[in-house]
All heavy atoms as atom14 arrays in JSON, in Angstrom:
{
  "sequence": "VIREGGIEAAVESGTIESGVMYECVTNDRPFVLAGSIRDDGPLPDT",
  "atom14_mask": [
    [1, 1, 1, 1, 1, 1, 1, 0, 0, 0, 0, 0, 0, 0],
    [1, 1, 1, 1, 1, 1, 1, 1, 0, 0, 0, 0, 0, 0],
    [1, 1, 1, 1, 1, 1, 1, 1, 1, 1, 1, 0, 0, 0],
    [1, 1, 1, 1, 1, 1, 1, 1, 1, 0, 0, 0, 0, 0],
    [1, 1, 1, 1, 0, 0, 0, 0, 0, 0, 0, 0, 0, 0],
    [1, 1, 1, 1, 0, 0, 0, 0, 0, 0, 0, 0, 0, 0],
    [1, 1, 1, 1, 1, 1, 1, 1, 0, 0, 0, 0, 0, 0],
    [1, 1, 1, 1, 1, 1, 1, 1, 1, 0, 0, 0, 0, 0],
    [1, 1, 1, 1, 1, 0, 0, 0, 0, 0, 0, 0, 0, 0],
    [1, 1, 1, 1, 1, 0, 0, 0, 0, 0, 0, 0, 0, 0],
    [1, 1, 1, 1, 1, 1, 1, 0, 0, 0, 0, 0, 0, 0],
    [1, 1, 1, 1, 1, 1, 1, 1, 1, 0, 0, 0, 0, 0],
    [1, 1, 1, 1, 1, 1, 0, 0, 0, 0, 0, 0, 0, 0],
    [1, 1, 1, 1, 0, 0, 0, 0, 0, 0, 0, 0, 0, 0],
    [1, 1, 1, 1, 1, 1, 1, 0, 0, 0, 0, 0, 0, 0],
    [1, 1, 1, 1, 1, 1, 1, 1, 0, 0, 0, 0, 0, 0],
    [1, 1, 1, 1, 1, 1, 1, 1, 1, 0, 0, 0, 0, 0],
    [1, 1, 1, 1, 1, 1, 0, 0, 0, 0, 0, 0, 0, 0],
    [1, 1, 1, 1, 0, 0, 0, 0, 0, 0, 0, 0, 0, 0],
    [1, 1, 1, 1, 1, 1, 1, 0, 0, 0, 0, 0, 0, 0],
    [1, 1, 1, 1, 1, 1, 1, 1, 0, 0, 0, 0, 0, 0],
    [1, 1, 1, 1, 1, 1, 1, 1, 1, 1, 1, 1, 0, 0],
    [1, 1, 1, 1, 1, 1, 1, 1, 1, 0, 0, 0, 0, 0],
    [1, 1, 1, 1, 1, 1, 0, 0, 0, 0, 0, 0, 0, 0],
    [1, 1, 1, 1, 1, 1, 1, 0, 0, 0, 0, 0, 0, 0],
    [1, 1, 1, 1, 1, 1, 1, 0, 0, 0, 0, 0, 0, 0],
    [1, 1, 1, 1, 1, 1, 1, 1, 0, 0, 0, 0, 0, 0],
    [1, 1, 1, 1, 1, 1, 1, 1, 0, 0, 0, 0, 0, 0],
    [1, 1, 1, 1, 1, 1, 1, 1, 1, 1, 1, 0, 0, 0],
    [1, 1, 1, 1, 1, 1, 1, 0, 0, 0, 0, 0, 0, 0],
    [1, 1, 1, 1, 1, 1, 1, 1, 1, 1, 1, 0, 0, 0],
    [1, 1, 1, 1, 1, 1, 1, 0, 0, 0, 0, 0, 0, 0],
    [1, 1, 1, 1, 1, 1, 1, 1, 0, 0, 0, 0, 0, 0],
    [1, 1, 1, 1, 1, 0, 0, 0, 0, 0, 0, 0, 0, 0],
    [1, 1, 1, 1, 0, 0, 0, 0, 0, 0, 0, 0, 0, 0],
    [1, 1, 1, 1, 1, 1, 0, 0, 0, 0, 0, 0, 0, 0],
    [1, 1, 1, 1, 1, 1, 1, 1, 0, 0, 0, 0, 0, 0],
    [1, 1, 1, 1, 1, 1, 1, 1, 1, 1, 1, 0, 0, 0],
    [1, 1, 1, 1, 1, 1, 1, 1, 0, 0, 0, 0, 0, 0],
    [1, 1, 1, 1, 1, 1, 1, 1, 0, 0, 0, 0, 0, 0],
    [1, 1, 1, 1, 0, 0, 0, 0, 0, 0, 0, 0, 0, 0],
    [1, 1, 1, 1, 1, 1, 1, 0, 0, 0, 0, 0, 0, 0],
    [1, 1, 1, 1, 1, 1, 1, 1, 0, 0, 0, 0, 0, 0],
    [1, 1, 1, 1, 1, 1, 1, 0, 0, 0, 0, 0, 0, 0],
    [1, 1, 1, 1, 1, 1, 1, 1, 0, 0, 0, 0, 0, 0],
    [1, 1, 1, 1, 1, 1, 1, 0, 0, 0, 0, 0, 0, 0]
  ],
  "atom14_positions": [
    [[3.63, -24.17, -33.94], [2.84, -25.36, -33.44], [1.35, -25.05, -33.48], [0.49, -25.91, -33.93], [3.32, -25.83, -32.03], [2.38, -26.88, -31.55], [4.76, -26.23, -32.06], [0.0, 0.0, 0.0], [0.0, 0.0, 0.0], [0.0, 0.0, 0.0], [0.0, 0.0, 0.0], [0.0, 0.0, 0.0], [0.0, 0.0, 0.0], [0.0, 0.0, 0.0]],
    [[0.95, -23.9, -33.08], [-0.41, -23.43, -33.16], [-0.91, -23.45, -34.59], [-2.01, -23.98, -34.95], [-0.61, -22.07, -32.49], [-0.32, -22.07, -31.02], [-2.0, -21.51, -32.8], [-0.4, -20.75, -30.34], [0.0, 0.0, 0.0], [0.0, 0.0, 0.0], [0.0, 0.0, 0.0], [0.0, 0.0, 0.0], [0.0, 0.0, 0.0], [0.0, 0.0, 0.0]],
    [[-0.05, -22.97, -35.48], [-0.39, -22.99, -36.9], [-0.62, -24.44, -37.41], [-1.6, -24.65, -38.26], [0.76, -22.39, -37.75], [0.37, -22.06, -39.22], [1.64, -21.65, -40.05], [2.57, -20.87, -39.19], [2.45, -19.52, -39.1], [1.41, -18.87, -39.6], [3.35, -18.86, -38.4], [0.0, 0.0, 0.0], [0.0, 0.0, 0.0], [0.0, 0.0, 0.0]],
    [[0.12, -25.37, -36.91], [-0.13, -26.74, -37.35], [-1.33, -27.45, -36.67], [-1.81, -28.42, -37.15], [1.13, -27.49, -37.04], [2.36, -27.13, -37.84], [2.37, -27.54, -39.31], [1.44, -28.28, -39.63], [3.22, -27.04, -40.07], [0.0, 0.0, 0.0], [0.0, 0.0, 0.0], [0.0, 0.0, 0.0], [0.0, 0.0, 0.0], [0.0, 0.0, 0.0]],
    [[-1.74, -26.87, -35.47], [-2.84, -27.41, -34.79], [-2.42, -28.34, -33.59], [-3.34, -28.89, -32.88], [0.0, 0.0, 0.0], [0.0, 0.0, 0.0], [0.0, 0.0, 0.0], [0.0, 0.0, 0.0], [0.0, 0.0, 0.0], [0.0, 0.0, 0.0], [0.0, 0.0, 0.0], [0.0, 0.0, 0.0], [0.0, 0.0, 0.0], [0.0, 0.0, 0.0]],
    [[-1.15, -28.41, -33.26], [-0.72, -29.17, -32.07], [0.6, -29.84, -32.42], [1.13, -29.81, -33.5], [0.0, 0.0, 0.0], [0.0, 0.0, 0.0], [0.0, 0.0, 0.0], [0.0, 0.0, 0.0], [0.0, 0.0, 0.0], [0.0, 0.0, 0.0], [0.0, 0.0, 0.0], [0.0, 0.0, 0.0], [0.0, 0.0, 0.0], [0.0, 0.0, 0.0]],
    [[1.16, -30.43, -31.38], [2.54, -31.04, -31.47], [2.51, -32.32, -32.38], [3.4, -32.41, -33.24], [3.04, -31.56, -30.01], [3.18, -30.26, -29.16], [4.33, -32.29, -30.13], [3.55, -30.55, -27.73], [0.0, 0.0, 0.0], [0.0, 0.0, 0.0], [0.0, 0.0, 0.0], [0.0, 0.0, 0.0], [0.0, 0.0, 0.0], [0.0, 0.0, 0.0]],
    [[1.5, -33.19, -32.29], [1.46, -34.31, -33.11], [1.34, -33.96, -34.6], [2.09, -34.48, -35.47], [0.26, -35.16, -32.77], [0.16, -36.52, -33.54], [-0.88, -37.47, -33.09], [-1.57, -37.12, -32.06], [-1.12, -38.43, -33.74], [0.0, 0.0, 0.0], [0.0, 0.0, 0.0], [0.0, 0.0, 0.0], [0.0, 0.0, 0.0], [0.0, 0.0, 0.0]],
    [[0.48, -32.98, -34.9], [0.3, -32.47, -36.28], [1.66, -31.83, -36.76], [2.04, -32.04, -37.95], [-0.76, -31.46, -36.31], [0.0, 0.0, 0.0], [0.0, 0.0, 0.0], [0.0, 0.0, 0.0], [0.0, 0.0, 0.0], [0.0, 0.0, 0.0], [0.0, 0.0, 0.0], [0.0, 0.0, 0.0], [0.0, 0.0, 0.0], [0.0, 0.0, 0.0]],
    [[2.37, -31.13, -35.91], [3.63, -30.62, -36.21], [4.76, -31.55, -36.53], [5.55, -31.37, -37.45], [4.02, -29.57, -35.25], [0.0, 0.0, 0.0], [0.0, 0.0, 0.0], [0.0, 0.0, 0.0], [0.0, 0.0, 0.0], [0.0, 0.0, 0.0], [0.0, 0.0, 0.0], [0.0, 0.0, 0.0], [0.0, 0.0, 0.0], [0.0, 0.0, 0.0]],
    [[4.65, -32.66, -35.86], [5.58, -33.77, -36.09], [5.24, -34.49, -37.4], [6.1, -34.72, -38.28], [5.58, -34.81, -34.94], [6.27, -36.17, -35.35], [6.1, -34.27, -33.65], [0.0, 0.0, 0.0], [0.0, 0.0, 0.0], [0.0, 0.0, 0.0], [0.0, 0.0, 0.0], [0.0, 0.0, 0.0], [0.0, 0.0, 0.0], [0.0, 0.0, 0.0]],
    [[3.95, -34.7, -37.64], [3.51, -35.37, -38.91], [3.84, -34.52, -40.12], [4.16, -35.04, -41.22], [2.02, -35.7, -38.85], [1.74, -36.79, -37.83], [0.25, -36.96, -37.63], [-0.56, -36.19, -38.24], [-0.16, -37.9, -36.99], [0.0, 0.0, 0.0], [0.0, 0.0, 0.0], [0.0, 0.0, 0.0], [0.0, 0.0, 0.0], [0.0, 0.0, 0.0]],
    [[3.8, -33.18, -40.05], [4.15, -32.32, -41.16], [5.63, -32.15, -41.41], [5.96, -31.63, -42.37], [3.41, -30.98, -40.89], [4.13, -30.21, -39.93], [0.0, 0.0, 0.0], [0.0, 0.0, 0.0], [0.0, 0.0, 0.0], [0.0, 0.0, 0.0], [0.0, 0.0, 0.0], [0.0, 0.0, 0.0], [0.0, 0.0, 0.0], [0.0, 0.0, 0.0]],
    [[6.39, -32.5, -40.43], [7.86, -32.31, -40.58], [8.31, -31.03, -39.9], [9.51, -30.71, -39.98], [0.0, 0.0, 0.0], [0.0, 0.0, 0.0], [0.0, 0.0, 0.0], [0.0, 0.0, 0.0], [0.0, 0.0, 0.0], [0.0, 0.0, 0.0], [0.0, 0.0, 0.0], [0.0, 0.0, 0.0], [0.0, 0.0, 0.0], [0.0, 0.0, 0.0]],
    [[7.44, -30.24, -39.39], [7.85, -29.0, -38.71], [8.73, -29.29, -37.52], [9.68, -28.58, -37.24], [6.58, -28.23, -38.25], [5.84, -27.91, -39.34], [7.02, -26.92, -37.53], [0.0, 0.0, 0.0], [0.0, 0.0, 0.0], [0.0, 0.0, 0.0], [0.0, 0.0, 0.0], [0.0, 0.0, 0.0], [0.0, 0.0, 0.0], [0.0, 0.0, 0.0]],
    [[8.41, -30.39, -36.77], [9.2, -30.78, -35.58], [9.92, -32.13, -36.04], [9.21, -33.06, -36.49], [8.42, -31.01, -34.34], [7.68, -29.76, -33.9], [9.32, -31.6, -33.2], [6.71, -29.89, -32.8], [0.0, 0.0, 0.0], [0.0, 0.0, 0.0], [0.0, 0.0, 0.0], [0.0, 0.0, 0.0], [0.0, 0.0, 0.0], [0.0, 0.0, 0.0]],
    [[11.28, -32.13, -35.99], [11.97, -33.32, -36.56], [12.79, -34.06, -35.53], [13.4, -35.06, -35.83], [12.82, -32.92, -37.72], [12.01, -32.35, -38.88], [12.86, -32.0, -40.08], [14.01, -31.54, -39.83], [12.47, -32.16, -41.21], [0.0, 0.0, 0.0], [0.0, 0.0, 0.0], [0.0, 0.0, 0.0], [0.0, 0.0, 0.0], [0.0, 0.0, 0.0]],
    [[12.87, -33.54, -34.27], [13.66, -34.16, -33.26], [13.32, -33.68, -31.88], [12.48, -32.76, -31.76], [15.17, -33.85, -33.5], [15.42, -32.44, -33.23], [0.0, 0.0, 0.0], [0.0, 0.0, 0.0], [0.0, 0.0, 0.0], [0.0, 0.0, 0.0], [0.0, 0.0, 0.0], [0.0, 0.0, 0.0], [0.0, 0.0, 0.0], [0.0, 0.0, 0.0]],
    [[13.86, -34.32, -30.88], [13.61, -33.85, -29.51], [12.77, -34.8, -28.7], [12.35, -35.87, -29.17], [0.0, 0.0, 0.0], [0.0, 0.0, 0.0], [0.0, 0.0, 0.0], [0.0, 0.0, 0.0], [0.0, 0.0, 0.0], [0.0, 0.0, 0.0], [0.0, 0.0, 0.0], [0.0, 0.0, 0.0], [0.0, 0.0, 0.0], [0.0, 0.0, 0.0]],
    [[12.51, -34.4, -27.48], [11.73, -35.19, -26.5], [10.26, -35.37, -26.96], [9.73, -36.45, -26.99], [11.79, -34.62, -25.15], [11.0, -35.47, -24.09], [13.24, -34.53, -24.57], [0.0, 0.0, 0.0], [0.0, 0.0, 0.0], [0.0, 0.0, 0.0], [0.0, 0.0, 0.0], [0.0, 0.0, 0.0], [0.0, 0.0, 0.0], [0.0, 0.0, 0.0]],
    [[9.64, -34.25, -27.34], [8.27, -34.21, -27.72], [8.08, -35.09, -29.03], [7.14, -35.81, -29.24], [7.69, -32.92, -27.86], [7.77, -32.02, -26.64], [7.18, -32.84, -25.09], [5.52, -33.27, -25.43], [0.0, 0.0, 0.0], [0.0, 0.0, 0.0], [0.0, 0.0, 0.0], [0.0, 0.0, 0.0], [0.0, 0.0, 0.0], [0.0, 0.0, 0.0]],
    [[9.09, -34.93, -29.94], [9.07, -35.71, -31.14], [9.09, -37.2, -30.87], [8.33, -37.97, -31.46], [10.31, -35.3, -32.03], [10.55, -36.13, -33.27], [9.9, -35.85, -34.5], [11.38, -37.26, -33.23], [10.05, -36.61, -35.57], [11.58, -38.04, -34.3], [10.89, -37.75, -35.44], [11.12, -38.54, -36.62], [0.0, 0.0, 0.0], [0.0, 0.0, 0.0]],
    [[9.97, -37.59, -29.98], [10.08, -38.99, -29.66], [8.78, -39.47, -28.91], [8.34, -40.66, -29.16], [11.31, -39.31, -28.72], [12.63, -39.0, -29.45], [12.93, -39.87, -30.69], [12.24, -40.88, -30.83], [13.88, -39.43, -31.48], [0.0, 0.0, 0.0], [0.0, 0.0, 0.0], [0.0, 0.0, 0.0], [0.0, 0.0, 0.0], [0.0, 0.0, 0.0]],
    [[8.16, -38.62, -28.06], [6.96, -39.04, -27.51], [5.85, -39.39, -28.56], [5.16, -40.36, -28.4], [6.45, -37.95, -26.55], [7.35, -37.8, -24.97], [0.0, 0.0, 0.0], [0.0, 0.0, 0.0], [0.0, 0.0, 0.0], [0.0, 0.0, 0.0], [0.0, 0.0, 0.0], [0.0, 0.0, 0.0], [0.0, 0.0, 0.0], [0.0, 0.0, 0.0]],
    [[5.75, -38.48, -29.49], [4.74, -38.66, -30.58], [5.1, -39.93, -31.46], [4.15, -40.73, -31.65], [4.61, -37.37, -31.45], [3.73, -37.65, -32.6], [4.15, -36.25, -30.58], [0.0, 0.0, 0.0], [0.0, 0.0, 0.0], [0.0, 0.0, 0.0], [0.0, 0.0, 0.0], [0.0, 0.0, 0.0], [0.0, 0.0, 0.0], [0.0, 0.0, 0.0]],
    [[6.3, -40.02, -31.93], [6.62, -41.0, -32.89], [6.7, -42.42, -32.24], [6.5, -43.41, -32.87], [7.95, -40.77, -33.52], [8.98, -40.61, -32.59], [7.85, -39.48, -34.45], [0.0, 0.0, 0.0], [0.0, 0.0, 0.0], [0.0, 0.0, 0.0], [0.0, 0.0, 0.0], [0.0, 0.0, 0.0], [0.0, 0.0, 0.0], [0.0, 0.0, 0.0]],
    [[6.93, -42.52, -30.89], [6.99, -43.72, -30.22], [5.76, -44.05, -29.35], [5.8, -44.95, -28.55], [8.24, -43.87, -29.37], [9.51, -43.89, -30.29], [9.78, -44.96, -30.87], [10.16, -42.72, -30.34], [0.0, 0.0, 0.0], [0.0, 0.0, 0.0], [0.0, 0.0, 0.0], [0.0, 0.0, 0.0], [0.0, 0.0, 0.0], [0.0, 0.0, 0.0]],
    [[4.74, -43.2, -29.5], [3.49, -43.39, -28.74], [3.7, -43.41, -27.29], [3.1, -44.25, -26.49], [2.79, -44.7, -29.22], [1.36, -44.68, -28.84], [0.71, -43.61, -28.67], [0.78, -45.85, -28.63], [0.0, 0.0, 0.0], [0.0, 0.0, 0.0], [0.0, 0.0, 0.0], [0.0, 0.0, 0.0], [0.0, 0.0, 0.0], [0.0, 0.0, 0.0]],
    [[4.49, -42.51, -26.74], [4.67, -42.28, -25.31], [3.8, -41.2, -24.8], [3.9, -40.03, -25.19], [6.08, -41.92, -24.95], [7.18, -42.76, -25.67], [7.37, -44.1, -25.02], [8.6, -44.73, -25.51], [8.51, -45.95, -26.2], [7.44, -46.61, -26.2], [9.68, -46.42, -26.65], [0.0, 0.0, 0.0], [0.0, 0.0, 0.0], [0.0, 0.0, 0.0]],
    [[2.77, -41.48, -23.99], [1.8, -40.45, -23.64], [2.43, -39.38, -22.73], [3.41, -39.6, -21.99], [0.77, -41.22, -22.76], [1.46, -42.55, -22.36], [2.48, -42.84, -23.45], [0.0, 0.0, 0.0], [0.0, 0.0, 0.0], [0.0, 0.0, 0.0], [0.0, 0.0, 0.0], [0.0, 0.0, 0.0], [0.0, 0.0, 0.0], [0.0, 0.0, 0.0]],
    [[1.96, -38.14, -22.99], [2.48, -37.01, -22.19], [1.35, -36.14, -21.67], [0.3, -36.05, -22.31], [3.49, -36.22, -23.08], [2.97, -35.55, -24.33], [2.23, -34.37, -24.25], [3.05, -36.26, -25.54], [1.83, -33.77, -25.43], [2.59, -35.7, -26.67], [1.91, -34.46, -26.6], [0.0, 0.0, 0.0], [0.0, 0.0, 0.0], [0.0, 0.0, 0.0]],
    [[1.66, -35.42, -20.6], [0.68, -34.5, -20.07], [1.44, -33.19, -19.86], [2.51, -33.12, -19.1], [0.15, -34.94, -18.64], [-0.62, -33.81, -18.03], [-0.75, -36.24, -18.78], [0.0, 0.0, 0.0], [0.0, 0.0, 0.0], [0.0, 0.0, 0.0], [0.0, 0.0, 0.0], [0.0, 0.0, 0.0], [0.0, 0.0, 0.0], [0.0, 0.0, 0.0]],
    [[0.93, -32.11, -20.45], [1.48, -30.8, -20.32], [0.58, -29.9, -19.47], [-0.61, -29.66, -19.98], [1.79, -30.14, -21.6], [2.76, -30.85, -22.62], [2.87, -30.02, -23.93], [4.07, -31.11, -21.97], [0.0, 0.0, 0.0], [0.0, 0.0, 0.0], [0.0, 0.0, 0.0], [0.0, 0.0, 0.0], [0.0, 0.0, 0.0], [0.0, 0.0, 0.0]],
    [[0.84, -29.67, -18.24], [-0.1, -28.98, -17.28], [0.31, -27.45, -17.38], [1.46, -27.15, -17.08], [0.04, -29.59, -15.94], [0.0, 0.0, 0.0], [0.0, 0.0, 0.0], [0.0, 0.0, 0.0], [0.0, 0.0, 0.0], [0.0, 0.0, 0.0], [0.0, 0.0, 0.0], [0.0, 0.0, 0.0], [0.0, 0.0, 0.0], [0.0, 0.0, 0.0]],
    [[-0.64, -26.65, -17.64], [-0.36, -25.25, -17.76], [-0.33, -24.45, -16.45], [-0.66, -24.99, -15.43], [0.0, 0.0, 0.0], [0.0, 0.0, 0.0], [0.0, 0.0, 0.0], [0.0, 0.0, 0.0], [0.0, 0.0, 0.0], [0.0, 0.0, 0.0], [0.0, 0.0, 0.0], [0.0, 0.0, 0.0], [0.0, 0.0, 0.0], [0.0, 0.0, 0.0]],
    [[0.15, -23.18, -16.56], [0.13, -22.3, -15.37], [-0.19, -20.94, -15.79], [-0.19, -20.61, -17.06], [1.46, -22.38, -14.63], [2.44, -21.71, -15.42], [0.0, 0.0, 0.0], [0.0, 0.0, 0.0], [0.0, 0.0, 0.0], [0.0, 0.0, 0.0], [0.0, 0.0, 0.0], [0.0, 0.0, 0.0], [0.0, 0.0, 0.0], [0.0, 0.0, 0.0]],
    [[-0.34, -19.99, -14.86], [-0.78, -18.61, -15.19], [0.29, -17.91, -15.96], [0.09, -16.86, -16.6], [-1.17, -17.96, -13.88], [-1.91, -16.63, -14.16], [0.11, -17.67, -13.01], [-3.31, -16.83, -14.72], [0.0, 0.0, 0.0], [0.0, 0.0, 0.0], [0.0, 0.0, 0.0], [0.0, 0.0, 0.0], [0.0, 0.0, 0.0], [0.0, 0.0, 0.0]],
    [[1.52, -18.36, -15.88], [2.69, -17.59, -16.46], [3.01, -18.16, -17.87], [4.07, -17.69, -18.46], [3.93, -17.69, -15.56], [4.41, -19.12, -15.43], [5.56, -19.19, -14.24], [6.13, -20.56, -14.2], [5.57, -21.6, -13.58], [4.37, -21.43, -13.0], [6.19, -22.78, -13.6], [0.0, 0.0, 0.0], [0.0, 0.0, 0.0], [0.0, 0.0, 0.0]],
    [[2.3, -19.07, -18.38], [2.66, -19.62, -19.68], [2.53, -18.74, -20.86], [1.53, -17.98, -20.97], [1.83, -20.86, -20.01], [2.2, -22.06, -19.15], [3.41, -22.14, -18.7], [1.47, -22.97, -18.87], [0.0, 0.0, 0.0], [0.0, 0.0, 0.0], [0.0, 0.0, 0.0], [0.0, 0.0, 0.0], [0.0, 0.0, 0.0], [0.0, 0.0, 0.0]],
    [[3.47, -18.71, -21.77], [3.35, -18.07, -23.05], [2.62, -18.93, -23.95], [2.81, -20.15, -24.05], [4.79, -17.77, -23.61], [5.46, -16.62, -22.91], [4.85, -15.67, -22.4], [6.75, -16.76, -22.7], [0.0, 0.0, 0.0], [0.0, 0.0, 0.0], [0.0, 0.0, 0.0], [0.0, 0.0, 0.0], [0.0, 0.0, 0.0], [0.0, 0.0, 0.0]],
    [[1.73, -18.4, -24.87], [1.03, -19.19, -25.77], [-0.36, -19.52, -25.27], [-1.25, -18.69, -25.51], [0.0, 0.0, 0.0], [0.0, 0.0, 0.0], [0.0, 0.0, 0.0], [0.0, 0.0, 0.0], [0.0, 0.0, 0.0], [0.0, 0.0, 0.0], [0.0, 0.0, 0.0], [0.0, 0.0, 0.0], [0.0, 0.0, 0.0], [0.0, 0.0, 0.0]],
    [[-0.58, -20.64, -24.63], [0.32, -21.71, -24.53], [0.16, -22.66, -25.83], [-0.6, -22.31, -26.67], [-0.19, -22.46, -23.24], [-1.6, -22.22, -23.29], [-1.78, -20.81, -23.82], [0.0, 0.0, 0.0], [0.0, 0.0, 0.0], [0.0, 0.0, 0.0], [0.0, 0.0, 0.0], [0.0, 0.0, 0.0], [0.0, 0.0, 0.0], [0.0, 0.0, 0.0]],
    [[0.94, -23.74, -25.86], [0.76, -24.74, -26.92], [-0.59, -25.33, -26.86], [-1.2, -25.44, -25.82], [1.79, -25.86, -26.7], [3.33, -25.44, -26.88], [4.18, -26.62, -26.34], [3.59, -25.12, -28.39], [0.0, 0.0, 0.0], [0.0, 0.0, 0.0], [0.0, 0.0, 0.0], [0.0, 0.0, 0.0], [0.0, 0.0, 0.0], [0.0, 0.0, 0.0]],
    [[-1.12, -25.72, -28.02], [-2.54, -26.32, -28.02], [-2.61, -27.56, -27.16], [-3.78, -27.82, -26.66], [-2.7, -26.67, -29.52], [-1.75, -25.79, -30.26], [-0.61, -25.62, -29.39], [0.0, 0.0, 0.0], [0.0, 0.0, 0.0], [0.0, 0.0, 0.0], [0.0, 0.0, 0.0], [0.0, 0.0, 0.0], [0.0, 0.0, 0.0], [0.0, 0.0, 0.0]],
    [[-1.5, -28.26, -26.94], [-1.5, -29.44, -26.17], [-1.56, -29.22, -24.63], [-1.72, -30.15, -23.84], [-0.37, -30.4, -26.58], [-0.26, -30.71, -28.0], [0.18, -29.84, -28.77], [-0.75, -31.79, -28.38], [0.0, 0.0, 0.0], [0.0, 0.0, 0.0], [0.0, 0.0, 0.0], [0.0, 0.0, 0.0], [0.0, 0.0, 0.0], [0.0, 0.0, 0.0]],
    [[-1.3, -28.03, -24.19], [-1.17, -27.72, -22.8], [-2.61, -27.64, -22.16], [-3.45, -26.97, -22.79], [-0.38, -26.36, -22.65], [0.92, -26.51, -23.1], [-0.35, -26.0, -21.11], [0.0, 0.0, 0.0], [0.0, 0.0, 0.0], [0.0, 0.0, 0.0], [0.0, 0.0, 0.0], [0.0, 0.0, 0.0], [0.0, 0.0, 0.0], [0.0, 0.0, 0.0]]
  ]
}
């Protein structure tokens, strides 16, 4: 996902093809990912 630049970009490129985050992006459902000190990565959207 970092390589693609974010979740939306990963959906548009076909890297992500299913799941909750995929449906949020493709159906324009807004999401908030709040980070914490224990996060791996984290994702660019966090």
